[in-house]
Amino acid sequence: MDVTRLFLNYLNKFVSISEDEFEQYFLPILKVRRFGKKEYLIKAGEVENYFNFIVKGLVRKFYKKGHQEINTQISVEGQIIMSQQSFLGRQPSEYYIETIEPSVIISIKYENLEELYHKSKKMERLGRLVVTYMMAVSDAWQMQMIKMTPRERFLNFVMKNPQLMQRVPQKYLASYLNIKPETFSRFKHLLKNHSKNNAA
């Protein structure tokens, strides 16, 4: 499948975009970027210039606290990732965005996106709906972090993202879920035993 088709499918969740509209407004400004494993899309101190949609791969967003890397987002195919504050505010990012796996990313430059909004009210509405959705997802995640116990966070994540348990290094997941590495290992061990007992 054409990689741009996946992006069109994503946009259609928010506003109905015809083939002609997609070709007219989006194809000229889409940039397909390919990254190897553990390559940066952006580093702290740089200004985020791209709105990024993941076509293939796995990407994380994190900040550094002393020698620690605190993961705040782990995103897969069909999801958006960028340093939002930097992108929208045109100021240096406090985050690093790095691939966990080799990745294919569809990107739109900030200037091109602003130009697109000026050209069409429909595209401006689409942009607003996408940003609102991203904010709602972020808020829901923050609420989970506050309300759920570490064990509840772990079980909820495993239930919703079983494939990521295999794809994402344990230290990244532990940081993302705000669970101590040793506690995460214990939960994982209990889960394995539970699965074995159920199988038996």
N, C-alpha and C. Protein backbone atom coordinates (compact mmCIF):
# COMPACT_ATOMS: atom_id res chain seq x y z
N MET A 1 0.85 -1.21 0.00
CA MET A 1 0.00 0.00 0.00
C MET A 1 0.88 1.26 0.00
N ASP A 2 0.46 2.24 -0.78
CA ASP A 2 1.15 3.52 -0.82
C ASP A 2 1.15 4.12 0.59
N VAL A 3 2.32 4.55 1.07
CA VAL A 3 2.42 5.07 2.44
C VAL A 3 1.51 6.28 2.67
N THR A 4 1.31 7.08 1.63
CA THR A 4 0.47 8.28 1.82
C THR A 4 -1.00 7.90 2.02
N ARG A 5 -1.38 6.72 1.54
CA ARG A 5 -2.77 6.25 1.69
C ARG A 5 -3.11 6.04 3.17
N LEU A 6 -2.14 5.58 3.93
CA LEU A 6 -2.34 5.36 5.37
C LEU A 6 -2.61 6.69 6.08
N PHE A 7 -1.93 7.72 5.63
CA PHE A 7 -2.13 9.05 6.21
C PHE A 7 -3.52 9.58 5.86
N LEU A 8 -3.95 9.36 4.61
CA LEU A 8 -5.28 9.78 4.19
C LEU A 8 -6.35 9.08 5.04
N ASN A 9 -6.17 7.79 5.28
CA ASN A 9 -7.11 7.04 6.11
C ASN A 9 -7.19 7.63 7.51
N TYR A 10 -6.04 8.06 8.04
CA TYR A 10 -6.01 8.67 9.37
C TYR A 10 -6.79 9.99 9.39
N LEU A 11 -6.55 10.82 8.39
CA LEU A 11 -7.23 12.13 8.32
C LEU A 11 -8.74 11.97 8.19
N ASN A 12 -9.15 10.93 7.48
CA ASN A 12 -10.58 10.70 7.26
C ASN A 12 -11.34 10.33 8.53
N LYS A 13 -10.63 10.02 9.58
CA LYS A 13 -11.28 9.77 10.87
C LYS A 13 -11.84 11.08 11.45
N PHE A 14 -11.28 12.19 11.02
CA PHE A 14 -11.66 13.50 11.56
C PHE A 14 -12.56 14.29 10.62
N VAL A 15 -12.16 14.33 9.35
CA VAL A 15 -12.93 15.06 8.33
C VAL A 15 -12.84 14.25 7.03
N SER A 16 -13.93 14.20 6.29
CA SER A 16 -13.92 13.46 5.02
C SER A 16 -13.09 14.23 3.98
N ILE A 17 -11.99 13.60 3.54
CA ILE A 17 -11.11 14.21 2.55
C ILE A 17 -11.19 13.40 1.26
N SER A 18 -11.54 14.04 0.17
CA SER A 18 -11.63 13.33 -1.11
C SER A 18 -10.23 13.08 -1.68
N GLU A 19 -10.16 12.18 -2.66
CA GLU A 19 -8.88 11.89 -3.33
C GLU A 19 -8.32 13.18 -3.96
N ASP A 20 -9.21 13.94 -4.59
CA ASP A 20 -8.78 15.18 -5.26
C ASP A 20 -8.23 16.18 -4.24
N GLU A 21 -8.92 16.31 -3.10
CA GLU A 21 -8.46 17.24 -2.06
C GLU A 21 -7.11 16.81 -1.51
N PHE A 22 -6.96 15.51 -1.34
CA PHE A 22 -5.70 14.98 -0.81
C PHE A 22 -4.55 15.27 -1.79
N GLU A 23 -4.83 15.04 -3.07
CA GLU A 23 -3.80 15.30 -4.10
C GLU A 23 -3.49 16.79 -4.21
N GLN A 24 -4.53 17.61 -4.09
CA GLN A 24 -4.33 19.06 -4.23
C GLN A 24 -3.61 19.67 -3.04
N TYR A 25 -4.08 19.33 -1.84
CA TYR A 25 -3.59 20.01 -0.63
C TYR A 25 -2.42 19.31 0.06
N PHE A 26 -2.45 17.98 0.07
CA PHE A 26 -1.47 17.28 0.91
C PHE A 26 -0.26 16.71 0.16
N LEU A 27 -0.49 16.06 -0.97
CA LEU A 27 0.63 15.41 -1.66
C LEU A 27 1.82 16.34 -1.93
N PRO A 28 1.57 17.60 -2.32
CA PRO A 28 2.72 18.48 -2.58
C PRO A 28 3.56 18.81 -1.34
N ILE A 29 2.97 18.67 -0.14
CA ILE A 29 3.71 19.08 1.07
C ILE A 29 4.14 17.91 1.97
N LEU A 30 3.73 16.70 1.58
CA LEU A 30 4.13 15.54 2.40
C LEU A 30 5.58 15.16 2.12
N LYS A 31 6.29 14.84 3.18
CA LYS A 31 7.69 14.41 3.04
C LYS A 31 7.82 13.04 3.73
N VAL A 32 8.24 12.04 2.97
CA VAL A 32 8.44 10.70 3.56
C VAL A 32 9.88 10.62 4.05
N ARG A 33 10.02 10.42 5.36
CA ARG A 33 11.36 10.35 5.96
C ARG A 33 11.59 8.94 6.52
N ARG A 34 12.78 8.42 6.30
CA ARG A 34 13.12 7.08 6.77
C ARG A 34 14.27 7.17 7.78
N PHE A 35 14.11 6.47 8.89
CA PHE A 35 15.10 6.50 9.96
C PHE A 35 15.50 5.07 10.33
N GLY A 36 16.77 4.92 10.69
CA GLY A 36 17.23 3.63 11.21
C GLY A 36 16.87 3.52 12.68
N LYS A 37 17.25 2.42 13.28
CA LYS A 37 17.00 2.21 14.71
C LYS A 37 17.84 3.19 15.53
N LYS A 38 17.24 3.75 16.59
CA LYS A 38 17.89 4.67 17.51
C LYS A 38 18.43 5.93 16.81
N GLU A 39 17.63 6.46 15.90
CA GLU A 39 17.96 7.74 15.26
C GLU A 39 17.00 8.81 15.77
N TYR A 40 17.51 10.04 15.90
CA TYR A 40 16.69 11.13 16.43
C TYR A 40 15.89 11.82 15.33
N LEU A 41 14.61 12.09 15.64
CA LEU A 41 13.81 12.98 14.80
C LEU A 41 14.08 14.41 15.24
N ILE A 42 14.29 14.59 16.54
CA ILE A 42 14.61 15.90 17.11
C ILE A 42 15.32 15.69 18.44
N LYS A 43 16.21 16.63 18.78
CA LYS A 43 16.90 16.61 20.07
C LYS A 43 16.48 17.84 20.88
N ALA A 44 16.59 17.73 22.20
CA ALA A 44 16.30 18.88 23.07
C ALA A 44 17.17 20.05 22.65
N GLY A 45 16.57 21.25 22.62
CA GLY A 45 17.30 22.45 22.22
C GLY A 45 17.04 22.85 20.79
N GLU A 46 16.54 21.89 19.99
CA GLU A 46 16.20 22.19 18.60
C GLU A 46 14.71 22.58 18.53
N VAL A 47 14.35 23.31 17.49
CA VAL A 47 12.94 23.67 17.29
C VAL A 47 12.30 22.59 16.42
N GLU A 48 11.14 22.10 16.88
CA GLU A 48 10.40 21.08 16.13
C GLU A 48 9.78 21.70 14.88
N ASN A 49 10.22 21.25 13.72
CA ASN A 49 9.72 21.81 12.47
C ASN A 49 8.72 20.92 11.76
N TYR A 50 8.52 19.70 12.30
CA TYR A 50 7.69 18.73 11.59
C TYR A 50 6.53 18.17 12.41
N PHE A 51 5.40 18.04 11.75
CA PHE A 51 4.25 17.28 12.23
C PHE A 51 4.49 15.87 11.69
N ASN A 52 4.57 14.86 12.56
CA ASN A 52 5.00 13.52 12.15
C ASN A 52 3.93 12.44 12.35
N PHE A 53 3.70 11.68 11.28
CA PHE A 53 2.77 10.55 11.31
C PHE A 53 3.58 9.28 11.05
N ILE A 54 3.43 8.28 11.93
CA ILE A 54 4.23 7.05 11.80
C ILE A 54 3.53 6.08 10.86
N VAL A 55 4.19 5.77 9.77
CA VAL A 55 3.67 4.80 8.80
C VAL A 55 4.13 3.40 9.19
N LYS A 56 5.39 3.31 9.60
CA LYS A 56 5.97 2.02 9.98
C LYS A 56 7.01 2.27 11.05
N GLY A 57 6.99 1.43 12.09
CA GLY A 57 8.02 1.55 13.12
C GLY A 57 7.49 1.90 14.49
N LEU A 58 8.41 2.33 15.31
CA LEU A 58 8.13 2.55 16.73
C LEU A 58 9.02 3.71 17.20
N VAL A 59 8.41 4.70 17.85
CA VAL A 59 9.13 5.93 18.20
C VAL A 59 8.81 6.33 19.64
N ARG A 60 9.80 6.86 20.34
CA ARG A 60 9.56 7.31 21.72
C ARG A 60 9.91 8.79 21.87
N LYS A 61 9.23 9.43 22.84
CA LYS A 61 9.54 10.81 23.20
C LYS A 61 9.96 10.81 24.66
N PHE A 62 11.07 11.48 24.95
CA PHE A 62 11.56 11.49 26.34
C PHE A 62 12.29 12.78 26.65
N TYR A 63 12.47 13.03 27.96
CA TYR A 63 13.32 14.14 28.39
C TYR A 63 14.35 13.58 29.37
N LYS A 64 15.39 14.33 29.56
CA LYS A 64 16.46 13.87 30.45
C LYS A 64 16.38 14.58 31.80
N LYS A 65 16.49 13.79 32.85
CA LYS A 65 16.50 14.30 34.21
C LYS A 65 17.76 13.75 34.86
N GLY A 66 18.81 14.56 34.87
CA GLY A 66 20.12 14.06 35.30
C GLY A 66 20.58 13.01 34.31
N HIS A 67 20.88 11.81 34.81
CA HIS A 67 21.30 10.71 33.93
C HIS A 67 20.13 9.86 33.47
N GLN A 68 18.94 10.18 33.96
CA GLN A 68 17.75 9.40 33.62
C GLN A 68 17.08 9.90 32.34
N GLU A 69 16.52 8.97 31.61
CA GLU A 69 15.66 9.31 30.47
C GLU A 69 14.22 8.98 30.86
N ILE A 70 13.36 10.00 30.88
CA ILE A 70 11.97 9.81 31.28
C ILE A 70 11.11 9.78 30.02
N ASN A 71 10.56 8.60 29.71
CA ASN A 71 9.73 8.44 28.51
C ASN A 71 8.31 8.94 28.76
N THR A 72 7.83 9.80 27.88
CA THR A 72 6.48 10.36 28.03
C THR A 72 5.53 9.91 26.91
N GLN A 73 6.08 9.31 25.87
CA GLN A 73 5.23 8.83 24.77
C GLN A 73 5.95 7.72 24.03
N ILE A 74 5.21 6.66 23.74
CA ILE A 74 5.71 5.58 22.88
C ILE A 74 4.64 5.36 21.83
N SER A 75 4.99 5.60 20.57
CA SER A 75 3.98 5.59 19.51
C SER A 75 4.32 4.60 18.41
N VAL A 76 3.26 4.04 17.81
CA VAL A 76 3.40 3.02 16.78
C VAL A 76 2.75 3.49 15.48
N GLU A 77 2.68 2.56 14.53
CA GLU A 77 2.06 2.83 13.24
C GLU A 77 0.66 3.44 13.41
N GLY A 78 0.39 4.47 12.62
CA GLY A 78 -0.94 5.09 12.64
C GLY A 78 -1.11 6.15 13.71
N GLN A 79 0.01 6.55 14.36
CA GLN A 79 -0.08 7.56 15.41
C GLN A 79 0.81 8.76 15.08
N ILE A 80 0.50 9.89 15.75
CA ILE A 80 1.24 11.14 15.56
C ILE A 80 2.26 11.28 16.69
N ILE A 81 3.45 11.78 16.36
CA ILE A 81 4.41 12.10 17.42
C ILE A 81 5.19 13.35 17.00
N MET A 82 5.31 14.28 17.95
CA MET A 82 6.13 15.48 17.73
C MET A 82 6.31 16.17 19.08
N SER A 83 7.22 17.11 19.13
CA SER A 83 7.37 17.93 20.32
C SER A 83 6.36 19.07 20.17
N GLN A 84 5.15 18.86 20.73
CA GLN A 84 4.03 19.77 20.46
C GLN A 84 4.30 21.22 20.87
N GLN A 85 4.82 21.40 22.08
CA GLN A 85 5.05 22.76 22.58
C GLN A 85 6.03 23.50 21.67
N SER A 86 7.05 22.78 21.23
CA SER A 86 8.05 23.39 20.35
C SER A 86 7.45 23.68 18.97
N PHE A 87 6.69 22.73 18.44
CA PHE A 87 6.10 22.88 17.11
C PHE A 87 5.11 24.04 17.07
N LEU A 88 4.22 24.07 18.05
CA LEU A 88 3.17 25.10 18.05
C LEU A 88 3.67 26.46 18.53
N GLY A 89 4.62 26.45 19.47
CA GLY A 89 5.12 27.70 20.05
C GLY A 89 6.37 28.23 19.39
N ARG A 90 6.95 27.43 18.44
CA ARG A 90 8.18 27.82 17.72
C ARG A 90 9.30 28.16 18.70
N GLN A 91 9.48 27.30 19.70
CA GLN A 91 10.55 27.48 20.67
C GLN A 91 11.32 26.18 20.82
N PRO A 92 12.54 26.23 21.38
CA PRO A 92 13.35 25.01 21.49
C PRO A 92 12.63 23.91 22.27
N SER A 93 12.79 22.70 21.78
CA SER A 93 12.14 21.55 22.41
C SER A 93 12.85 21.16 23.70
N GLU A 94 12.06 20.70 24.67
CA GLU A 94 12.63 20.13 25.88
C GLU A 94 12.73 18.61 25.75
N TYR A 95 12.20 18.09 24.66
CA TYR A 95 12.16 16.64 24.46
C TYR A 95 13.11 16.17 23.36
N TYR A 96 13.45 14.90 23.47
CA TYR A 96 14.11 14.15 22.41
C TYR A 96 13.06 13.22 21.82
N ILE A 97 13.09 13.03 20.50
CA ILE A 97 12.24 12.02 19.87
C ILE A 97 13.15 11.09 19.09
N GLU A 98 13.07 9.80 19.42
CA GLU A 98 14.03 8.82 18.89
C GLU A 98 13.30 7.55 18.46
N THR A 99 13.76 6.95 17.36
CA THR A 99 13.17 5.69 16.91
C THR A 99 13.65 4.55 17.79
N ILE A 100 12.76 3.61 18.04
CA ILE A 100 13.12 2.37 18.75
C ILE A 100 13.40 1.28 17.72
N GLU A 101 12.67 1.34 16.61
CA GLU A 101 12.85 0.44 15.47
C GLU A 101 13.10 1.29 14.23
N PRO A 102 13.64 0.70 13.15
CA PRO A 102 13.68 1.43 11.88
C PRO A 102 12.26 1.91 11.55
N SER A 103 12.14 3.16 11.13
CA SER A 103 10.81 3.75 10.99
C SER A 103 10.65 4.55 9.70
N VAL A 104 9.42 4.55 9.20
CA VAL A 104 9.05 5.39 8.05
C VAL A 104 8.04 6.41 8.57
N ILE A 105 8.34 7.68 8.37
CA ILE A 105 7.54 8.77 8.91
C ILE A 105 7.07 9.70 7.78
N ILE A 106 5.79 10.04 7.81
CA ILE A 106 5.29 11.08 6.91
C ILE A 106 5.29 12.38 7.70
N SER A 107 5.96 13.39 7.17
CA SER A 107 6.10 14.67 7.88
C SER A 107 5.60 15.84 7.04
N ILE A 108 5.08 16.84 7.75
CA ILE A 108 4.69 18.11 7.12
C ILE A 108 5.38 19.23 7.86
N LYS A 109 6.05 20.10 7.13
CA LYS A 109 6.75 21.23 7.76
C LYS A 109 5.75 22.23 8.33
N TYR A 110 6.16 22.89 9.39
CA TYR A 110 5.30 23.88 10.07
C TYR A 110 4.80 24.94 9.09
N GLU A 111 5.69 25.49 8.29
CA GLU A 111 5.32 26.57 7.36
C GLU A 111 4.28 26.08 6.35
N ASN A 112 4.47 24.84 5.87
CA ASN A 112 3.54 24.28 4.89
C ASN A 112 2.16 24.04 5.50
N LEU A 113 2.15 23.64 6.76
CA LEU A 113 0.88 23.40 7.45
C LEU A 113 0.13 24.71 7.66
N GLU A 114 0.86 25.75 8.05
CA GLU A 114 0.23 27.08 8.24
C GLU A 114 -0.34 27.59 6.92
N GLU A 115 0.40 27.37 5.84
CA GLU A 115 -0.06 27.79 4.51
C GLU A 115 -1.33 27.04 4.11
N LEU A 116 -1.36 25.75 4.45
CA LEU A 116 -2.52 24.91 4.16
C LEU A 116 -3.76 25.43 4.88
N TYR A 117 -3.60 25.83 6.14
CA TYR A 117 -4.73 26.37 6.92
C TYR A 117 -5.27 27.66 6.29
N HIS A 118 -4.38 28.46 5.75
CA HIS A 118 -4.80 29.73 5.13
C HIS A 118 -5.56 29.49 3.82
N LYS A 119 -5.21 28.38 3.14
CA LYS A 119 -5.83 28.08 1.85
C LYS A 119 -7.26 27.59 1.99
N SER A 120 -7.54 26.89 3.09
CA SER A 120 -8.84 26.22 3.19
C SER A 120 -9.36 26.16 4.62
N LYS A 121 -10.60 26.61 4.80
CA LYS A 121 -11.25 26.54 6.12
C LYS A 121 -11.42 25.10 6.56
N LYS A 122 -11.68 24.22 5.59
CA LYS A 122 -11.87 22.80 5.91
C LYS A 122 -10.57 22.20 6.48
N MET A 123 -9.44 22.58 5.87
CA MET A 123 -8.15 22.07 6.35
C MET A 123 -7.81 22.64 7.72
N GLU A 124 -8.21 23.90 7.93
CA GLU A 124 -7.97 24.53 9.23
C GLU A 124 -8.78 23.79 10.31
N ARG A 125 -10.01 23.43 9.98
CA ARG A 125 -10.86 22.68 10.91
C ARG A 125 -10.26 21.30 11.18
N LEU A 126 -9.76 20.66 10.14
CA LEU A 126 -9.12 19.35 10.28
C LEU A 126 -7.94 19.44 11.25
N GLY A 127 -7.12 20.45 11.07
CA GLY A 127 -5.96 20.65 11.95
C GLY A 127 -6.38 20.83 13.40
N ARG A 128 -7.44 21.61 13.61
CA ARG A 128 -7.93 21.86 14.97
C ARG A 128 -8.43 20.56 15.61
N LEU A 129 -9.14 19.74 14.83
CA LEU A 129 -9.68 18.48 15.34
C LEU A 129 -8.56 17.50 15.70
N VAL A 130 -7.52 17.45 14.88
CA VAL A 130 -6.38 16.55 15.16
C VAL A 130 -5.67 16.98 16.43
N VAL A 131 -5.39 18.27 16.57
CA VAL A 131 -4.70 18.78 17.76
C VAL A 131 -5.56 18.57 19.02
N THR A 132 -6.87 18.80 18.90
CA THR A 132 -7.78 18.58 20.04
C THR A 132 -7.77 17.12 20.47
N TYR A 133 -7.78 16.23 19.49
CA TYR A 133 -7.73 14.79 19.78
C TYR A 133 -6.44 14.42 20.51
N MET A 134 -5.31 14.96 20.03
CA MET A 134 -4.03 14.67 20.67
C MET A 134 -4.00 15.16 22.12
N MET A 135 -4.59 16.33 22.35
CA MET A 135 -4.66 16.88 23.71
C MET A 135 -5.52 16.01 24.61
N ALA A 136 -6.64 15.51 24.06
CA ALA A 136 -7.55 14.66 24.84
C ALA A 136 -6.87 13.35 25.22
N VAL A 137 -6.13 12.77 24.28
CA VAL A 137 -5.40 11.52 24.55
C VAL A 137 -4.35 11.74 25.63
N SER A 138 -3.64 12.86 25.53
CA SER A 138 -2.61 13.20 26.52
C SER A 138 -3.21 13.40 27.90
N ASP A 139 -4.35 14.08 27.96
CA ASP A 139 -5.04 14.31 29.25
C ASP A 139 -5.51 13.00 29.88
N ALA A 140 -6.06 12.12 29.04
CA ALA A 140 -6.55 10.82 29.53
C ALA A 140 -5.38 10.01 30.11
N TRP A 141 -4.22 10.09 29.45
CA TRP A 141 -3.04 9.37 29.93
C TRP A 141 -2.57 9.94 31.27
N GLN A 142 -2.54 11.26 31.38
CA GLN A 142 -2.13 11.89 32.63
C GLN A 142 -3.05 11.49 33.78
N MET A 143 -4.34 11.39 33.50
CA MET A 143 -5.30 10.99 34.53
C MET A 143 -5.07 9.55 34.97
N GLN A 144 -4.73 8.68 34.02
CA GLN A 144 -4.39 7.29 34.36
C GLN A 144 -3.20 7.24 35.31
N MET A 145 -2.21 8.06 35.00
CA MET A 145 -0.98 8.08 35.81
C MET A 145 -1.28 8.51 37.25
N ILE A 146 -2.26 9.39 37.40
CA ILE A 146 -2.62 9.90 38.73
C ILE A 146 -3.51 8.91 39.49
N LYS A 147 -4.53 8.37 38.80
CA LYS A 147 -5.55 7.59 39.47
C LYS A 147 -5.19 6.11 39.67
N MET A 148 -4.43 5.54 38.75
CA MET A 148 -4.16 4.10 38.81
C MET A 148 -2.93 3.77 39.64
N THR A 149 -2.96 2.62 40.29
CA THR A 149 -1.78 2.12 40.99
C THR A 149 -0.80 1.60 39.93
N PRO A 150 0.49 1.42 40.28
CA PRO A 150 1.43 0.86 39.30
C PRO A 150 0.94 -0.47 38.70
N ARG A 151 0.37 -1.33 39.54
CA ARG A 151 -0.12 -2.62 39.05
C ARG A 151 -1.27 -2.43 38.06
N GLU A 152 -2.18 -1.51 38.37
CA GLU A 152 -3.30 -1.23 37.47
C GLU A 152 -2.81 -0.66 36.14
N ARG A 153 -1.82 0.24 36.22
CA ARG A 153 -1.25 0.82 34.99
C ARG A 153 -0.63 -0.27 34.13
N PHE A 154 0.11 -1.16 34.77
CA PHE A 154 0.78 -2.26 34.05
C PHE A 154 -0.25 -3.15 33.36
N LEU A 155 -1.25 -3.61 34.11
CA LEU A 155 -2.26 -4.53 33.56
C LEU A 155 -3.08 -3.87 32.46
N ASN A 156 -3.42 -2.60 32.65
CA ASN A 156 -4.18 -1.86 31.64
C ASN A 156 -3.38 -1.73 30.35
N PHE A 157 -2.08 -1.44 30.49
CA PHE A 157 -1.23 -1.29 29.31
C PHE A 157 -1.08 -2.61 28.58
N VAL A 158 -0.83 -3.70 29.32
CA VAL A 158 -0.66 -5.02 28.71
C VAL A 158 -1.93 -5.44 27.96
N MET A 159 -3.08 -5.17 28.57
CA MET A 159 -4.35 -5.54 27.96
C MET A 159 -4.58 -4.79 26.64
N LYS A 160 -4.22 -3.50 26.62
CA LYS A 160 -4.47 -2.68 25.44
C LYS A 160 -3.36 -2.76 24.39
N ASN A 161 -2.13 -3.09 24.84
CA ASN A 161 -0.97 -3.07 23.92
C ASN A 161 -0.11 -4.32 24.06
N PRO A 162 -0.69 -5.51 23.90
CA PRO A 162 0.11 -6.73 24.11
C PRO A 162 1.35 -6.83 23.22
N GLN A 163 1.23 -6.32 21.97
CA GLN A 163 2.36 -6.42 21.04
C GLN A 163 3.54 -5.57 21.46
N LEU A 164 3.26 -4.47 22.19
CA LEU A 164 4.36 -3.59 22.59
C LEU A 164 5.23 -4.20 23.68
N MET A 165 4.70 -5.16 24.40
CA MET A 165 5.51 -5.85 25.41
C MET A 165 6.68 -6.58 24.77
N GLN A 166 6.49 -6.99 23.51
CA GLN A 166 7.56 -7.69 22.78
C GLN A 166 8.47 -6.69 22.04
N ARG A 167 7.89 -5.59 21.60
CA ARG A 167 8.63 -4.67 20.73
C ARG A 167 9.44 -3.61 21.47
N VAL A 168 8.99 -3.23 22.66
CA VAL A 168 9.62 -2.11 23.37
C VAL A 168 10.52 -2.62 24.50
N PRO A 169 11.77 -2.13 24.59
CA PRO A 169 12.64 -2.53 25.70
C PRO A 169 11.98 -2.26 27.05
N GLN A 170 12.19 -3.18 27.98
CA GLN A 170 11.53 -3.11 29.29
C GLN A 170 11.83 -1.81 30.03
N LYS A 171 13.06 -1.32 29.91
CA LYS A 171 13.43 -0.09 30.65
C LYS A 171 12.63 1.11 30.14
N TYR A 172 12.31 1.12 28.84
CA TYR A 172 11.50 2.21 28.29
C TYR A 172 10.05 2.13 28.80
N LEU A 173 9.52 0.91 28.81
CA LEU A 173 8.14 0.72 29.27
C LEU A 173 7.99 1.07 30.75
N ALA A 174 8.97 0.65 31.55
CA ALA A 174 8.92 0.94 32.99
C ALA A 174 8.90 2.45 33.21
N SER A 175 9.75 3.17 32.48
CA SER A 175 9.82 4.63 32.60
C SER A 175 8.52 5.26 32.13
N TYR A 176 7.99 4.79 31.01
CA TYR A 176 6.75 5.33 30.43
C TYR A 176 5.56 5.16 31.38
N LEU A 177 5.51 4.01 32.05
CA LEU A 177 4.41 3.72 32.98
C LEU A 177 4.69 4.22 34.39
N ASN A 178 5.85 4.86 34.57
CA ASN A 178 6.27 5.38 35.89
C ASN A 178 6.24 4.27 36.95
N ILE A 179 6.87 3.15 36.58
CA ILE A 179 6.99 1.99 37.47
C ILE A 179 8.48 1.69 37.63
N LYS A 180 8.92 1.43 38.86
CA LYS A 180 10.33 1.09 39.09
C LYS A 180 10.68 -0.17 38.30
N PRO A 181 11.89 -0.22 37.70
CA PRO A 181 12.27 -1.38 36.87
C PRO A 181 12.09 -2.72 37.58
N GLU A 182 12.45 -2.77 38.88
CA GLU A 182 12.33 -4.05 39.60
C GLU A 182 10.86 -4.43 39.81
N THR A 183 10.00 -3.42 40.02
CA THR A 183 8.56 -3.67 40.17
C THR A 183 7.98 -4.14 38.83
N PHE A 184 8.42 -3.52 37.75
CA PHE A 184 7.96 -3.90 36.41
C PHE A 184 8.33 -5.36 36.14
N SER A 185 9.56 -5.74 36.49
CA SER A 185 10.02 -7.13 36.29
C SER A 185 9.16 -8.10 37.08
N ARG A 186 8.80 -7.71 38.30
CA ARG A 186 7.97 -8.58 39.14
C ARG A 186 6.57 -8.75 38.53
N PHE A 187 5.99 -7.64 38.05
CA PHE A 187 4.67 -7.72 37.41
C PHE A 187 4.73 -8.63 36.18
N LYS A 188 5.80 -8.49 35.40
CA LYS A 188 5.96 -9.27 34.18
C LYS A 188 6.06 -10.76 34.52
N HIS A 189 6.80 -11.06 35.58
CA HIS A 189 6.99 -12.44 36.04
C HIS A 189 5.66 -13.04 36.49
N LEU A 190 4.89 -12.25 37.25
CA LEU A 190 3.57 -12.71 37.72
C LEU A 190 2.63 -12.97 36.54
N LEU A 191 2.74 -12.11 35.52
CA LEU A 191 1.91 -12.26 34.33
C LEU A 191 2.24 -13.56 33.60
N LYS A 192 3.54 -13.86 33.50
CA LYS A 192 3.97 -15.11 32.83
C LYS A 192 3.44 -16.32 33.59
N ASN A 193 3.55 -16.30 34.92
CA ASN A 193 3.07 -17.41 35.73
C ASN A 193 1.56 -17.58 35.60
N HIS A 194 0.86 -16.45 35.54
CA HIS A 194 -0.60 -16.45 35.40
C HIS A 194 -0.98 -17.10 34.07
N SER A 195 -0.24 -16.72 33.01
CA SER A 195 -0.51 -17.27 31.67
C SER A 195 -0.26 -18.77 31.65
N LYS A 196 0.84 -19.21 32.31
CA LYS A 196 1.17 -20.65 32.35
C LYS A 196 0.09 -21.42 33.08
N ASN A 197 -0.37 -20.87 34.21
CA ASN A 197 -1.40 -21.54 35.00
C ASN A 197 -2.71 -21.67 34.23
N ASN A 198 -3.02 -20.61 33.47
CA ASN A 198 -4.25 -20.63 32.66
C ASN A 198 -4.16 -21.65 31.54
N ALA A 199 -2.95 -21.75 30.97
CA ALA A 199 -2.73 -22.69 29.88
C ALA A 199 -2.84 -24.14 30.38
N ALA A 200 -2.37 -24.34 31.61
CA ALA A 200 -2.42 -25.68 32.22
C ALA A 200 -3.87 -25.99 32.61
